[in-house]
Amino acid sequence: FTLETTSGWVDFLGEVAGVGRYEAALEHATRMELTDDASL
């Protein structure tokens, strides 16, 4: 889903070429402080 919102553009992807779905990518993600809450 490629969306525009009142706070900007966001793309929600169910899978990513070369990476796969969320579950496959989880082991290749790290927590980083992008906001007050750390994001994967």
PDB file of all heavy atoms in Angstrom:
ATOM      1  N   PHE A   1       0.841  -1.186   0.000  1.00  0.00           N
ATOM      2  CA  PHE A   1       0.000   0.000   0.000  1.00  0.00           C
ATOM      3  C   PHE A   1       0.882   1.243   0.000  1.00  0.00           C
ATOM      4  O   PHE A   1       1.673   1.443   0.920  1.00  0.00           O
ATOM      5  CB  PHE A   1      -0.935  -0.001   1.211  1.00  0.00           C
ATOM      6  CG  PHE A   1      -1.872  -1.164   1.200  1.00  0.00           C
ATOM      7  CD1 PHE A   1      -1.509  -2.364   1.798  1.00  0.00           C
ATOM      8  CD2 PHE A   1      -3.089  -1.079   0.542  1.00  0.00           C
ATOM      9  CE1 PHE A   1      -2.345  -3.457   1.754  1.00  0.00           C
ATOM     10  CE2 PHE A   1      -3.931  -2.177   0.486  1.00  0.00           C
ATOM     11  CZ  PHE A   1      -3.565  -3.369   1.095  1.00  0.00           C
ATOM     12  N   THR A   2       0.746   2.044  -1.025  1.00  0.00           N
ATOM     13  CA  THR A   2       1.485   3.292  -1.167  1.00  0.00           C
ATOM     14  C   THR A   2       0.509   4.410  -0.839  1.00  0.00           C
ATOM     15  O   THR A   2      -0.398   4.695  -1.626  1.00  0.00           O
ATOM     16  CB  THR A   2       2.035   3.425  -2.598  1.00  0.00           C
ATOM     17  OG1 THR A   2       2.831   2.280  -2.879  1.00  0.00           O
ATOM     18  CG2 THR A   2       2.874   4.668  -2.760  1.00  0.00           C
ATOM     19  N   LEU A   3       0.708   5.010   0.329  1.00  0.00           N
ATOM     20  CA  LEU A   3      -0.298   5.919   0.871  1.00  0.00           C
ATOM     21  C   LEU A   3       0.237   7.321   1.098  1.00  0.00           C
ATOM     22  O   LEU A   3       1.416   7.520   1.359  1.00  0.00           O
ATOM     23  CB  LEU A   3      -0.815   5.378   2.208  1.00  0.00           C
ATOM     24  CG  LEU A   3      -1.365   3.952   2.204  1.00  0.00           C
ATOM     25  CD1 LEU A   3      -1.651   3.503   3.637  1.00  0.00           C
ATOM     26  CD2 LEU A   3      -2.607   3.857   1.342  1.00  0.00           C
ATOM     27  N   GLU A   4      -0.691   8.274   1.033  1.00  0.00           N
ATOM     28  CA  GLU A   4      -0.420   9.606   1.555  1.00  0.00           C
ATOM     29  C   GLU A   4      -1.300   9.753   2.785  1.00  0.00           C
ATOM     30  O   GLU A   4      -2.401   9.207   2.847  1.00  0.00           O
ATOM     31  CB  GLU A   4      -0.693  10.682   0.519  1.00  0.00           C
ATOM     32  CG  GLU A   4      -2.096  10.722  -0.028  1.00  0.00           C
ATOM     33  CD  GLU A   4      -2.264  11.776  -1.113  1.00  0.00           C
ATOM     34  OE1 GLU A   4      -1.580  11.695  -2.134  1.00  0.00           O
ATOM     35  OE2 GLU A   4      -3.103  12.675  -0.903  1.00  0.00           O
ATOM     36  N   THR A   5      -0.766  10.437   3.777  1.00  0.00           N
ATOM     37  CA  THR A   5      -1.515  10.659   5.013  1.00  0.00           C
ATOM     38  C   THR A   5      -1.388  12.132   5.374  1.00  0.00           C
ATOM     39  O   THR A   5      -0.632  12.877   4.734  1.00  0.00           O
ATOM     40  CB  THR A   5      -0.957   9.817   6.183  1.00  0.00           C
ATOM     41  OG1 THR A   5       0.275  10.389   6.632  1.00  0.00           O
ATOM     42  CG2 THR A   5      -0.759   8.350   5.781  1.00  0.00           C
ATOM     43  N   THR A   6      -2.089  12.531   6.402  1.00  0.00           N
ATOM     44  CA  THR A   6      -1.974  13.912   6.866  1.00  0.00           C
ATOM     45  C   THR A   6      -0.595  14.194   7.450  1.00  0.00           C
ATOM     46  O   THR A   6      -0.241  15.355   7.660  1.00  0.00           O
ATOM     47  CB  THR A   6      -3.057  14.222   7.925  1.00  0.00           C
ATOM     48  OG1 THR A   6      -2.969  13.245   8.973  1.00  0.00           O
ATOM     49  CG2 THR A   6      -4.446  14.200   7.312  1.00  0.00           C
ATOM     50  N   SER A   7       0.201  13.152   7.675  1.00  0.00           N
ATOM     51  CA  SER A   7       1.560  13.327   8.206  1.00  0.00           C
ATOM     52  C   SER A   7       2.639  12.888   7.226  1.00  0.00           C
ATOM     53  O   SER A   7       3.783  12.695   7.624  1.00  0.00           O
ATOM     54  CB  SER A   7       1.713  12.551   9.519  1.00  0.00           C
ATOM     55  OG  SER A   7       0.941  13.149  10.516  1.00  0.00           O
ATOM     56  N   GLY A   8       2.300  12.722   5.975  1.00  0.00           N
ATOM     57  CA  GLY A   8       3.308  12.381   4.984  1.00  0.00           C
ATOM     58  C   GLY A   8       3.026  11.067   4.291  1.00  0.00           C
ATOM     59  O   GLY A   8       1.985  10.445   4.482  1.00  0.00           O
ATOM     60  N   TRP A   9       3.984  10.669   3.482  1.00  0.00           N
ATOM     61  CA  TRP A   9       3.857   9.471   2.669  1.00  0.00           C
ATOM     62  C   TRP A   9       4.404   8.259   3.417  1.00  0.00           C
ATOM     63  O   TRP A   9       5.446   8.324   4.064  1.00  0.00           O
ATOM     64  CB  TRP A   9       4.625   9.626   1.371  1.00  0.00           C
ATOM     65  CG  TRP A   9       4.076  10.658   0.439  1.00  0.00           C
ATOM     66  CD1 TRP A   9       2.895  11.352   0.540  1.00  0.00           C
ATOM     67  CD2 TRP A   9       4.689  11.121  -0.756  1.00  0.00           C
ATOM     68  NE1 TRP A   9       2.742  12.211  -0.512  1.00  0.00           N
ATOM     69  CE2 TRP A   9       3.835  12.096  -1.328  1.00  0.00           C
ATOM     70  CE3 TRP A   9       5.877  10.818  -1.388  1.00  0.00           C
ATOM     71  CZ2 TRP A   9       4.137  12.741  -2.526  1.00  0.00           C
ATOM     72  CZ3 TRP A   9       6.181  11.468  -2.579  1.00  0.00           C
ATOM     73  CH2 TRP A   9       5.320  12.418  -3.135  1.00  0.00           C
ATOM     74  N   VAL A  10       3.704   7.145   3.271  1.00  0.00           N
ATOM     75  CA  VAL A  10       4.149   5.899   3.874  1.00  0.00           C
ATOM     76  C   VAL A  10       3.796   4.757   2.932  1.00  0.00           C
ATOM     77  O   VAL A  10       2.727   4.752   2.327  1.00  0.00           O
ATOM     78  CB  VAL A  10       3.533   5.683   5.284  1.00  0.00           C
ATOM     79  CG1 VAL A  10       2.024   5.645   5.244  1.00  0.00           C
ATOM     80  CG2 VAL A  10       4.095   4.440   5.949  1.00  0.00           C
ATOM     81  N   ASP A  11       4.730   3.837   2.780  1.00  0.00           N
ATOM     82  CA  ASP A  11       4.505   2.632   1.988  1.00  0.00           C
ATOM     83  C   ASP A  11       4.522   1.447   2.938  1.00  0.00           C
ATOM     84  O   ASP A  11       5.517   1.224   3.636  1.00  0.00           O
ATOM     85  CB  ASP A  11       5.602   2.441   0.929  1.00  0.00           C
ATOM     86  CG  ASP A  11       5.633   3.561  -0.098  1.00  0.00           C
ATOM     87  OD1 ASP A  11       4.683   4.366  -0.147  1.00  0.00           O
ATOM     88  OD2 ASP A  11       6.625   3.637  -0.843  1.00  0.00           O
ATOM     89  N   PHE A  12       3.436   0.701   2.968  1.00  0.00           N
ATOM     90  CA  PHE A  12       3.360  -0.523   3.762  1.00  0.00           C
ATOM     91  C   PHE A  12       3.549  -1.697   2.820  1.00  0.00           C
ATOM     92  O   PHE A  12       2.786  -1.865   1.873  1.00  0.00           O
ATOM     93  CB  PHE A  12       2.012  -0.630   4.489  1.00  0.00           C
ATOM     94  CG  PHE A  12       1.862   0.376   5.586  1.00  0.00           C
ATOM     95  CD1 PHE A  12       0.976   1.423   5.458  1.00  0.00           C
ATOM     96  CD2 PHE A  12       2.623   0.285   6.736  1.00  0.00           C
ATOM     97  CE1 PHE A  12       0.838   2.358   6.463  1.00  0.00           C
ATOM     98  CE2 PHE A  12       2.496   1.219   7.754  1.00  0.00           C
ATOM     99  CZ  PHE A  12       1.599   2.258   7.613  1.00  0.00           C
ATOM    100  N   LEU A  13       4.569  -2.487   3.068  1.00  0.00           N
ATOM    101  CA  LEU A  13       4.928  -3.601   2.198  1.00  0.00           C
ATOM    102  C   LEU A  13       4.775  -4.913   2.954  1.00  0.00           C
ATOM    103  O   LEU A  13       5.295  -5.067   4.060  1.00  0.00           O
ATOM    104  CB  LEU A  13       6.366  -3.431   1.710  1.00  0.00           C
ATOM    105  CG  LEU A  13       6.668  -2.064   1.066  1.00  0.00           C
ATOM    106  CD1 LEU A  13       8.151  -1.899   0.824  1.00  0.00           C
ATOM    107  CD2 LEU A  13       5.885  -1.894  -0.215  1.00  0.00           C
ATOM    108  N   GLY A  14       4.093  -5.856   2.325  1.00  0.00           N
ATOM    109  CA  GLY A  14       3.895  -7.163   2.931  1.00  0.00           C
ATOM    110  C   GLY A  14       5.077  -8.083   2.735  1.00  0.00           C
ATOM    111  O   GLY A  14       5.260  -9.038   3.485  1.00  0.00           O
ATOM    112  N   GLU A  15       5.876  -7.806   1.713  1.00  0.00           N
ATOM    113  CA  GLU A  15       7.125  -8.523   1.479  1.00  0.00           C
ATOM    114  C   GLU A  15       8.025  -7.649   0.629  1.00  0.00           C
ATOM    115  O   GLU A  15       7.559  -6.734  -0.037  1.00  0.00           O
ATOM    116  CB  GLU A  15       6.887  -9.888   0.833  1.00  0.00           C
ATOM    117  CG  GLU A  15       6.326  -9.838  -0.564  1.00  0.00           C
ATOM    118  CD  GLU A  15       6.052 -11.226  -1.139  1.00  0.00           C
ATOM    119  OE1 GLU A  15       6.035 -12.212  -0.388  1.00  0.00           O
ATOM    120  OE2 GLU A  15       5.858 -11.301  -2.352  1.00  0.00           O
ATOM    121  N   VAL A  16       9.311  -7.951   0.674  1.00  0.00           N
ATOM    122  CA  VAL A  16      10.299  -7.152  -0.044  1.00  0.00           C
ATOM    123  C   VAL A  16      11.203  -8.096  -0.828  1.00  0.00           C
ATOM    124  O   VAL A  16      11.742  -9.060  -0.261  1.00  0.00           O
ATOM    125  CB  VAL A  16      11.134  -6.296   0.940  1.00  0.00           C
ATOM    126  CG1 VAL A  16      12.237  -5.546   0.218  1.00  0.00           C
ATOM    127  CG2 VAL A  16      10.235  -5.330   1.695  1.00  0.00           C
ATOM    128  N   ALA A  17      11.377  -7.806  -2.113  1.00  0.00           N
ATOM    129  CA  ALA A  17      12.274  -8.612  -2.948  1.00  0.00           C
ATOM    130  C   ALA A  17      13.664  -8.616  -2.331  1.00  0.00           C
ATOM    131  O   ALA A  17      14.155  -7.597  -1.860  1.00  0.00           O
ATOM    132  CB  ALA A  17      12.322  -8.047  -4.364  1.00  0.00           C
ATOM    133  N   GLY A  18      14.286  -9.784  -2.310  1.00  0.00           N
ATOM    134  CA  GLY A  18      15.629  -9.911  -1.755  1.00  0.00           C
ATOM    135  C   GLY A  18      15.662 -10.087  -0.255  1.00  0.00           C
ATOM    136  O   GLY A  18      16.704 -10.407   0.318  1.00  0.00           O
ATOM    137  N   VAL A  19      14.523  -9.872   0.406  1.00  0.00           N
ATOM    138  CA  VAL A  19      14.449  -9.963   1.865  1.00  0.00           C
ATOM    139  C   VAL A  19      13.347 -10.930   2.292  1.00  0.00           C
ATOM    140  O   VAL A  19      13.530 -11.740   3.185  1.00  0.00           O
ATOM    141  CB  VAL A  19      14.215  -8.568   2.497  1.00  0.00           C
ATOM    142  CG1 VAL A  19      13.995  -8.670   3.996  1.00  0.00           C
ATOM    143  CG2 VAL A  19      15.372  -7.635   2.188  1.00  0.00           C
ATOM    144  N   GLY A  20      12.188 -10.829   1.696  1.00  0.00           N
ATOM    145  CA  GLY A  20      11.056 -11.673   2.046  1.00  0.00           C
ATOM    146  C   GLY A  20      10.039 -10.949   2.897  1.00  0.00           C
ATOM    147  O   GLY A  20       9.943  -9.728   2.878  1.00  0.00           O
ATOM    148  N   ARG A  21       9.292 -11.729   3.661  1.00  0.00           N
ATOM    149  CA  ARG A  21       8.261 -11.189   4.548  1.00  0.00           C
ATOM    150  C   ARG A  21       8.870 -10.776   5.887  1.00  0.00           C
ATOM    151  O   ARG A  21      10.038 -11.025   6.158  1.00  0.00           O
ATOM    152  CB  ARG A  21       7.157 -12.216   4.753  1.00  0.00           C
ATOM    153  CG  ARG A  21       6.361 -12.452   3.474  1.00  0.00           C
ATOM    154  CD  ARG A  21       5.174 -13.354   3.697  1.00  0.00           C
ATOM    155  NE  ARG A  21       4.418 -13.478   2.465  1.00  0.00           N
ATOM    156  CZ  ARG A  21       3.155 -13.110   2.342  1.00  0.00           C
ATOM    157  NH1 ARG A  21       2.494 -12.627   3.362  1.00  0.00           N
ATOM    158  NH2 ARG A  21       2.540 -13.241   1.178  1.00  0.00           N
ATOM    159  N   TYR A  22       8.041 -10.190   6.714  1.00  0.00           N
ATOM    160  CA  TYR A  22       8.455  -9.691   8.034  1.00  0.00           C
ATOM    161  C   TYR A  22       9.233 -10.743   8.825  1.00  0.00           C
ATOM    162  O   TYR A  22      10.297 -10.461   9.367  1.00  0.00           O
ATOM    163  CB  TYR A  22       7.207  -9.236   8.807  1.00  0.00           C
ATOM    164  CG  TYR A  22       7.482  -8.846  10.236  1.00  0.00           C
ATOM    165  CD1 TYR A  22       7.855  -7.546  10.556  1.00  0.00           C
ATOM    166  CD2 TYR A  22       7.372  -9.779  11.269  1.00  0.00           C
ATOM    167  CE1 TYR A  22       8.104  -7.182  11.869  1.00  0.00           C
ATOM    168  CE2 TYR A  22       7.619  -9.423  12.583  1.00  0.00           C
ATOM    169  CZ  TYR A  22       7.991  -8.128  12.872  1.00  0.00           C
ATOM    170  OH  TYR A  22       8.249  -7.771  14.170  1.00  0.00           O
ATOM    171  N   GLU A  23       8.693 -11.959   8.883  1.00  0.00           N
ATOM    172  CA  GLU A  23       9.304 -13.004   9.700  1.00  0.00           C
ATOM    173  C   GLU A  23      10.729 -13.320   9.241  1.00  0.00           C
ATOM    174  O   GLU A  23      11.615 -13.557  10.060  1.00  0.00           O
ATOM    175  CB  GLU A  23       8.438 -14.272   9.676  1.00  0.00           C
ATOM    176  CG  GLU A  23       7.096 -14.116  10.360  1.00  0.00           C
ATOM    177  CD  GLU A  23       6.032 -13.401   9.524  1.00  0.00           C
ATOM    178  OE1 GLU A  23       6.289 -13.066   8.342  1.00  0.00           O
ATOM    179  OE2 GLU A  23       4.941 -13.162  10.058  1.00  0.00           O
ATOM    180  N   ALA A  24      10.960 -13.328   7.934  1.00  0.00           N
ATOM    181  CA  ALA A  24      12.297 -13.596   7.403  1.00  0.00           C
ATOM    182  C   ALA A  24      13.242 -12.422   7.674  1.00  0.00           C
ATOM    183  O   ALA A  24      14.429 -12.612   7.938  1.00  0.00           O
ATOM    184  CB  ALA A  24      12.225 -13.875   5.905  1.00  0.00           C
ATOM    185  N   ALA A  25      12.713 -11.213   7.613  1.00  0.00           N
ATOM    186  CA  ALA A  25      13.538 -10.014   7.806  1.00  0.00           C
ATOM    187  C   ALA A  25      13.870  -9.761   9.268  1.00  0.00           C
ATOM    188  O   ALA A  25      14.846  -9.075   9.577  1.00  0.00           O
ATOM    189  CB  ALA A  25      12.823  -8.801   7.218  1.00  0.00           C
ATOM    190  N   LEU A  26      13.067 -10.320  10.166  1.00  0.00           N
ATOM    191  CA  LEU A  26      13.232 -10.049  11.591  1.00  0.00           C
ATOM    192  C   LEU A  26      14.639 -10.369  12.085  1.00  0.00           C
ATOM    193  O   LEU A  26      15.210  -9.621  12.881  1.00  0.00           O
ATOM    194  CB  LEU A  26      12.188 -10.844  12.375  1.00  0.00           C
ATOM    195  CG  LEU A  26      11.918 -10.432  13.805  1.00  0.00           C
ATOM    196  CD1 LEU A  26      11.591  -8.948  13.912  1.00  0.00           C
ATOM    197  CD2 LEU A  26      10.764 -11.256  14.361  1.00  0.00           C
ATOM    198  N   GLU A  27      15.225 -11.449  11.601  1.00  0.00           N
ATOM    199  CA  GLU A  27      16.571 -11.811  12.058  1.00  0.00           C
ATOM    200  C   GLU A  27      17.647 -10.896  11.462  1.00  0.00           C
ATOM    201  O   GLU A  27      18.809 -10.968  11.861  1.00  0.00           O
ATOM    202  CB  GLU A  27      16.864 -13.271  11.736  1.00  0.00           C
ATOM    203  CG  GLU A  27      16.933 -13.591  10.253  1.00  0.00           C
ATOM    204  CD  GLU A  27      17.076 -15.074   9.984  1.00  0.00           C
ATOM    205  OE1 GLU A  27      16.102 -15.810  10.213  1.00  0.00           O
ATOM    206  OE2 GLU A  27      18.180 -15.466   9.555  1.00  0.00           O
ATOM    207  N   HIS A  28      17.259 -10.033  10.528  1.00  0.00           N
ATOM    208  CA  HIS A  28      18.197  -9.094   9.898  1.00  0.00           C
ATOM    209  C   HIS A  28      17.862  -7.647  10.255  1.00  0.00           C
ATOM    210  O   HIS A  28      18.182  -6.734   9.504  1.00  0.00           O
ATOM    211  CB  HIS A  28      18.183  -9.276   8.378  1.00  0.00           C
ATOM    212  CG  HIS A  28      18.525 -10.662   7.957  1.00  0.00           C
ATOM    213  ND1 HIS A  28      19.814 -11.149   7.997  1.00  0.00           N
ATOM    214  CD2 HIS A  28      17.744 -11.685   7.530  1.00  0.00           C
ATOM    215  CE1 HIS A  28      19.814 -12.403   7.597  1.00  0.00           C
ATOM    216  NE2 HIS A  28      18.580 -12.751   7.310  1.00  0.00           N
ATOM    217  N   ALA A  29      17.197  -7.475  11.385  1.00  0.00           N
ATOM    218  CA  ALA A  29      16.806  -6.131  11.819  1.00  0.00           C
ATOM    219  C   ALA A  29      17.407  -5.864  13.188  1.00  0.00           C
ATOM    220  O   ALA A  29      17.631  -6.773  13.978  1.00  0.00           O
ATOM    221  CB  ALA A  29      15.287  -6.022  11.875  1.00  0.00           C
ATOM    222  N   THR A  30      17.669  -4.608  13.441  1.00  0.00           N
ATOM    223  CA  THR A  30      18.217  -4.197  14.724  1.00  0.00           C
ATOM    224  C   THR A  30      17.433  -2.988  15.233  1.00  0.00           C
ATOM    225  O   THR A  30      16.902  -2.211  14.435  1.00  0.00           O
ATOM    226  CB  THR A  30      19.718  -3.864  14.587  1.00  0.00           C
ATOM    227  OG1 THR A  30      20.250  -3.575  15.865  1.00  0.00           O
ATOM    228  CG2 THR A  30      19.966  -2.689  13.673  1.00  0.00           C
ATOM    229  N   ARG A  31      17.341  -2.840  16.535  1.00  0.00           N
ATOM    230  CA  ARG A  31      16.625  -1.698  17.121  1.00  0.00           C
ATOM    231  C   ARG A  31      17.492  -0.447  17.020  1.00  0.00           C
ATOM    232  O   ARG A  31      18.660  -0.462  17.388  1.00  0.00           O
ATOM    233  CB  ARG A  31      16.273  -1.967  18.580  1.00  0.00           C
ATOM    234  CG  ARG A  31      15.225  -3.044  18.715  1.00  0.00           C
ATOM    235  CD  ARG A  31      14.433  -2.906  20.016  1.00  0.00           C
ATOM    236  NE  ARG A  31      13.325  -3.832  19.998  1.00  0.00           N
ATOM    237  CZ  ARG A  31      12.159  -3.627  19.397  1.00  0.00           C
ATOM    238  NH1 ARG A  31      11.944  -2.502  18.769  1.00  0.00           N
ATOM    239  NH2 ARG A  31      11.200  -4.524  19.416  1.00  0.00           N
ATOM    240  N   MET A  32      16.869   0.614  16.523  1.00  0.00           N
ATOM    241  CA  MET A  32      17.555   1.904  16.403  1.00  0.00           C
ATOM    242  C   MET A  32      16.601   2.997  16.871  1.00  0.00           C
ATOM    243  O   MET A  32      15.396   2.905  16.671  1.00  0.00           O
ATOM    244  CB  MET A  32      18.001   2.149  14.960  1.00  0.00           C
ATOM    245  CG  MET A  32      18.989   1.105  14.448  1.00  0.00           C
ATOM    246  SD  MET A  32      19.481   1.388  12.741  1.00  0.00           S
ATOM    247  CE  MET A  32      20.817   2.532  12.986  1.00  0.00           C
ATOM    248  N   GLU A  33      17.158   4.032  17.450  1.00  0.00           N
ATOM    249  CA  GLU A  33      16.358   5.138  17.973  1.00  0.00           C
ATOM    250  C   GLU A  33      16.084   6.147  16.861  1.00  0.00           C
ATOM    251  O   GLU A  33      16.877   7.052  16.629  1.00  0.00           O
ATOM    252  CB  GLU A  33      17.087   5.798  19.140  1.00  0.00           C
ATOM    253  CG  GLU A  33      17.442   4.819  20.226  1.00  0.00           C
ATOM    254  CD  GLU A  33      16.797   5.130  21.551  1.00  0.00           C
ATOM    255  OE1 GLU A  33      16.294   6.233  21.727  1.00  0.00           O
ATOM    256  OE2 GLU A  33      16.816   4.228  22.403  1.00  0.00           O
ATOM    257  N   LEU A  34      14.946   6.000  16.205  1.00  0.00           N
ATOM    258  CA  LEU A  34      14.524   6.955  15.185  1.00  0.00           C
ATOM    259  C   LEU A  34      13.615   8.007  15.787  1.00  0.00           C
ATOM    260  O   LEU A  34      13.526   9.122  15.300  1.00  0.00           O
ATOM    261  CB  LEU A  34      13.790   6.232  14.051  1.00  0.00           C
ATOM    262  CG  LEU A  34      14.544   5.102  13.356  1.00  0.00           C
ATOM    263  CD1 LEU A  34      13.677   4.464  12.286  1.00  0.00           C
ATOM    264  CD2 LEU A  34      15.853   5.605  12.765  1.00  0.00           C
ATOM    265  N   THR A  35      12.907   7.620  16.841  1.00  0.00           N
ATOM    266  CA  THR A  35      12.021   8.504  17.601  1.00  0.00           C
ATOM    267  C   THR A  35      12.244   8.166  19.073  1.00  0.00           C
ATOM    268  O   THR A  35      13.210   7.493  19.409  1.00  0.00           O
ATOM    269  CB  THR A  35      10.541   8.269  17.217  1.00  0.00           C
ATOM    270  OG1 THR A  35      10.180   6.938  17.579  1.00  0.00           O
ATOM    271  CG2 THR A  35      10.303   8.488  15.734  1.00  0.00           C
ATOM    272  N   ASP A  36      11.329   8.578  19.922  1.00  0.00           N
ATOM    273  CA  ASP A  36      11.447   8.257  21.347  1.00  0.00           C
ATOM    274  C   ASP A  36      11.373   6.755  21.585  1.00  0.00           C
ATOM    275  O   ASP A  36      11.909   6.252  22.560  1.00  0.00           O
ATOM    276  CB  ASP A  36      10.362   8.974  22.151  1.00  0.00           C
ATOM    277  CG  ASP A  36      10.566  10.481  22.154  1.00  0.00           C
ATOM    278  OD1 ASP A  36      11.711  10.925  21.919  1.00  0.00           O
ATOM    279  OD2 ASP A  36       9.590  11.217  22.376  1.00  0.00           O
ATOM    280  N   ASP A  37      10.678   6.044  20.694  1.00  0.00           N
ATOM    281  CA  ASP A  37      10.605   4.584  20.769  1.00  0.00           C
ATOM    282  C   ASP A  37      11.562   3.997  19.742  1.00  0.00           C
ATOM    283  O   ASP A  37      11.552   4.411  18.584  1.00  0.00           O
ATOM    284  CB  ASP A  37       9.179   4.099  20.453  1.00  0.00           C
ATOM    285  CG  ASP A  37       8.183   4.528  21.500  1.00  0.00           C
ATOM    286  OD1 ASP A  37       8.379   4.180  22.672  1.00  0.00           O
ATOM    287  OD2 ASP A  37       7.211   5.220  21.139  1.00  0.00           O
ATOM    288  N   ALA A  38      12.363   3.044  20.149  1.00  0.00           N
ATOM    289  CA  ALA A  38      13.284   2.395  19.211  1.00  0.00           C
ATOM    290  C   ALA A  38      12.475   1.585  18.203  1.00  0.00           C
ATOM    291  O   ALA A  38      11.510   0.917  18.549  1.00  0.00           O
ATOM    292  CB  ALA A  38      14.256   1.500  19.955  1.00  0.00           C
ATOM    293  N   SER A  39      12.870   1.667  16.943  1.00  0.00           N
ATOM    294  CA  SER A  39      12.217   0.934  15.858  1.00  0.00           C
ATOM    295  C   SER A  39      13.151  -0.141  15.341  1.00  0.00           C
ATOM    296  O   SER A  39      14.372   0.020  15.351  1.00  0.00           O
ATOM    297  CB  SER A  39      11.892   1.881  14.692  1.00  0.00           C
ATOM    298  OG  SER A  39      11.001   2.890  15.072  1.00  0.00           O
ATOM    299  N   LEU A  40      12.579  -1.227  14.863  1.00  0.00           N
ATOM    300  CA  LEU A  40      13.377  -2.215  14.156  1.00  0.00           C
ATOM    301  C   LEU A  40      13.713  -1.643  12.781  1.00  0.00           C
ATOM    302  O   LEU A  40      12.835  -1.138  12.078  1.00  0.00           O
ATOM    303  CB  LEU A  40      12.607  -3.521  13.996  1.00  0.00           C
ATOM    304  CG  LEU A  40      12.478  -4.379  15.240  1.00  0.00           C
ATOM    305  CD1 LEU A  40      11.559  -5.565  14.979  1.00  0.00           C
ATOM    306  CD2 LEU A  40      13.847  -4.861  15.704  1.00  0.00           C
TER     307      LEU A  40
END
